[in-house]
Amino acid sequence: MQRRLLLASVGALLTAGCQPEGKVLQVSAPANAPPPRKIERVLIWLPPETGLASAKLGDAFVAAFVSQGVPARVGRGTALELNRGDDQAALMNELKATHRVEVEVASYRQVGGNFAQWTLVVGVYAGTSRTPLMALRYQPSGYSDYALAGMVVQKLVERGYL
């Protein structure tokens, strides 16, 4: 009996650590339009919610872009952000970014005591434009789900931006 209990406990711990990847809910972009310009340097802008979009998510984006030969830098919004463009300007100029990727927390809800569901929206913009070239909605599987970065870069490759 104790052996079965031990095996069940170990099995539960092993499967708890193996969370499935999150899921892409929606990708929207102009229909089959060729990119006006390839991404050469990119600024990744994270929201102020560090628990839902941690620095490790920023690192995952940088690694995904660098693997495609694109220099990337991460910036983070502030809780009282009035004009994002002003906050981004210094980093955009320093990097001479041709594009930016903005991550937003679109929704959040607590489910039960320890589980939460949230949706992130990623917008890809050319330079300082306010019109997105592509938008992607993603529901992470947990706090340490950084697969979003690879999925965004994969979609950009598929659409000819990288």
Protein backbone atom coordinates (compact mmCIF):
# COMPACT_ATOMS: atom_id res chain seq x y z
CA MET A 1 0.00 0.00 0.00
CA GLN A 2 2.78 2.43 0.91
CA ARG A 3 4.63 1.55 -2.29
CA ARG A 4 1.54 2.35 -4.40
CA LEU A 5 1.08 5.63 -2.56
CA LEU A 6 4.73 6.53 -3.14
CA LEU A 7 4.51 5.68 -6.85
CA ALA A 8 1.29 7.68 -7.22
CA SER A 9 2.89 10.67 -5.47
CA VAL A 10 6.00 10.53 -7.66
CA GLY A 11 3.83 10.21 -10.79
CA ALA A 12 1.75 13.20 -9.76
CA LEU A 13 4.87 15.28 -9.17
CA LEU A 14 6.34 14.30 -12.54
CA THR A 15 3.19 15.14 -14.48
CA ALA A 16 2.67 18.40 -12.57
CA GLY A 17 6.05 19.62 -13.84
CA CYS A 18 5.23 18.75 -17.46
CA GLN A 19 2.71 21.38 -18.43
CA PRO A 20 1.59 21.47 -22.03
CA GLU A 21 2.42 24.56 -24.07
CA GLY A 22 -0.13 27.31 -24.20
CA LYS A 23 -2.30 27.80 -27.21
CA VAL A 24 -2.55 30.39 -29.95
CA LEU A 25 -6.10 31.66 -29.97
CA GLN A 26 -5.93 33.95 -33.00
CA VAL A 27 -3.48 35.45 -35.49
CA SER A 28 -4.55 38.44 -37.52
CA ALA A 29 -2.56 40.08 -40.27
CA PRO A 30 -3.29 41.58 -43.68
CA ALA A 31 -4.22 38.87 -46.17
CA ASN A 32 -1.17 37.59 -48.05
CA ALA A 33 0.40 41.03 -48.29
CA PRO A 34 4.17 40.97 -48.72
CA PRO A 35 5.99 42.68 -45.84
CA PRO A 36 6.79 46.33 -46.55
CA ARG A 37 10.17 45.84 -44.88
CA LYS A 38 11.99 42.92 -43.27
CA ILE A 39 12.69 43.10 -39.54
CA GLU A 40 16.32 44.16 -39.02
CA ARG A 41 16.32 45.23 -35.34
CA VAL A 42 13.45 44.86 -32.88
CA LEU A 43 12.36 46.30 -29.57
CA ILE A 44 10.29 43.95 -27.38
CA TRP A 45 8.00 45.90 -25.05
CA LEU A 46 6.63 44.02 -22.05
CA PRO A 47 3.76 45.13 -19.81
CA PRO A 48 4.38 46.20 -16.20
CA GLU A 49 2.85 42.95 -14.86
CA THR A 50 6.09 41.09 -14.10
CA GLY A 51 4.29 37.99 -12.80
CA LEU A 52 2.37 37.44 -16.04
CA ALA A 53 5.08 38.60 -18.44
CA SER A 54 8.36 38.00 -16.64
CA ALA A 55 11.84 39.03 -17.66
CA LYS A 56 12.33 35.41 -18.78
CA LEU A 57 9.64 35.96 -21.42
CA GLY A 58 11.68 38.92 -22.65
CA ASP A 59 14.79 36.74 -22.70
CA ALA A 60 12.89 34.10 -24.71
CA PHE A 61 11.92 36.76 -27.28
CA VAL A 62 15.51 38.00 -27.53
CA ALA A 63 16.79 34.43 -28.01
CA ALA A 64 14.13 33.69 -30.65
CA PHE A 65 14.97 36.82 -32.67
CA VAL A 66 18.74 36.39 -32.29
CA SER A 67 18.40 32.83 -33.63
CA GLN A 68 17.07 34.49 -36.82
CA GLY A 69 19.98 36.97 -36.91
CA VAL A 70 17.91 39.91 -35.64
CA PRO A 71 19.26 42.03 -32.76
CA ALA A 72 16.63 42.58 -30.07
CA ARG A 73 16.27 44.56 -26.88
CA VAL A 74 13.65 44.40 -24.13
CA GLY A 75 11.88 47.33 -22.49
CA ARG A 76 9.03 47.34 -19.98
CA GLY A 77 6.05 49.61 -19.56
CA THR A 78 5.24 51.31 -16.29
CA ALA A 79 2.02 51.02 -14.33
CA LEU A 80 1.20 54.69 -14.99
CA GLU A 81 2.23 54.72 -18.63
CA LEU A 82 0.60 57.71 -20.32
CA ASN A 83 2.36 57.71 -23.67
CA ARG A 84 4.11 54.48 -24.56
CA GLY A 85 5.84 56.11 -27.52
CA ASP A 86 7.67 58.53 -25.23
CA ASP A 87 8.82 55.68 -23.01
CA GLN A 88 9.96 53.63 -26.00
CA ALA A 89 11.70 56.46 -27.87
CA ALA A 90 15.07 56.23 -26.11
CA LEU A 91 15.35 52.47 -26.63
CA MET A 92 14.10 52.71 -30.24
CA ASN A 93 16.76 55.34 -31.02
CA GLU A 94 19.53 53.51 -29.18
CA LEU A 95 18.83 50.24 -31.00
CA LYS A 96 17.78 51.98 -34.23
CA ALA A 97 14.87 49.52 -34.21
CA THR A 98 13.04 48.96 -37.47
CA HIS A 99 10.16 47.17 -35.70
CA ARG A 100 8.73 46.64 -32.25
CA VAL A 101 6.83 43.82 -30.59
CA GLU A 102 4.42 44.85 -27.84
CA VAL A 103 3.07 42.30 -25.35
CA GLU A 104 -0.14 43.13 -23.47
CA VAL A 105 -2.16 41.29 -20.85
CA ALA A 106 -5.61 41.19 -22.47
CA SER A 107 -7.46 39.27 -19.76
CA TYR A 108 -6.83 37.63 -16.41
CA ARG A 109 -8.99 35.58 -14.10
CA GLN A 110 -8.27 33.48 -11.05
CA VAL A 111 -9.67 29.97 -11.28
CA GLY A 112 -9.73 28.18 -7.95
CA GLY A 113 -7.07 28.78 -5.32
CA ASN A 114 -3.84 28.40 -7.26
CA PHE A 115 -4.71 28.36 -10.95
CA ALA A 116 -5.11 31.43 -13.12
CA GLN A 117 -6.01 31.87 -16.78
CA TRP A 118 -4.87 34.84 -18.80
CA THR A 119 -4.52 35.89 -22.39
CA LEU A 120 -1.60 37.80 -23.85
CA VAL A 121 -1.89 39.86 -27.03
CA VAL A 122 1.22 40.51 -29.08
CA GLY A 123 1.30 43.27 -31.67
CA VAL A 124 4.08 43.63 -34.23
CA TYR A 125 4.60 47.17 -35.54
CA ALA A 126 6.89 48.82 -38.06
CA GLY A 127 8.94 51.56 -36.42
CA THR A 128 6.74 53.96 -34.48
CA SER A 129 3.56 53.11 -36.38
CA ARG A 130 0.38 52.52 -34.37
CA THR A 131 -1.08 50.13 -36.97
CA PRO A 132 -0.11 46.51 -36.28
CA LEU A 133 1.41 44.41 -39.04
CA MET A 134 0.36 41.31 -37.14
CA ALA A 135 -1.48 40.56 -33.90
CA LEU A 136 -1.48 37.27 -32.02
CA ARG A 137 -3.61 36.18 -29.04
CA TYR A 138 -2.05 33.54 -26.80
CA GLN A 139 -3.21 31.72 -23.69
CA PRO A 140 -0.19 30.54 -21.64
CA SER A 141 -0.31 27.19 -19.88
CA GLY A 142 1.32 28.65 -16.77
CA TYR A 143 3.62 31.29 -15.35
CA SER A 144 6.71 29.68 -16.87
CA ASP A 145 5.29 29.25 -20.39
CA TYR A 146 7.65 31.13 -22.71
CA ALA A 147 6.66 29.33 -25.93
CA LEU A 148 4.91 32.52 -27.06
CA ALA A 149 8.24 34.00 -28.19
CA GLY A 150 9.04 31.12 -30.53
CA MET A 151 5.49 31.11 -31.90
CA VAL A 152 5.58 34.82 -32.72
CA VAL A 153 8.95 34.50 -34.47
CA GLN A 154 7.70 31.43 -36.36
CA LYS A 155 4.65 33.37 -37.60
CA LEU A 156 6.92 36.25 -38.68
CA VAL A 157 9.12 33.82 -40.62
CA GLU A 158 6.02 32.30 -42.28
CA ARG A 159 4.82 35.76 -43.32
CA GLY A 160 8.20 36.80 -44.74
CA TYR A 161 9.19 39.36 -42.10
CA LEU A 162 12.30 37.42 -41.09
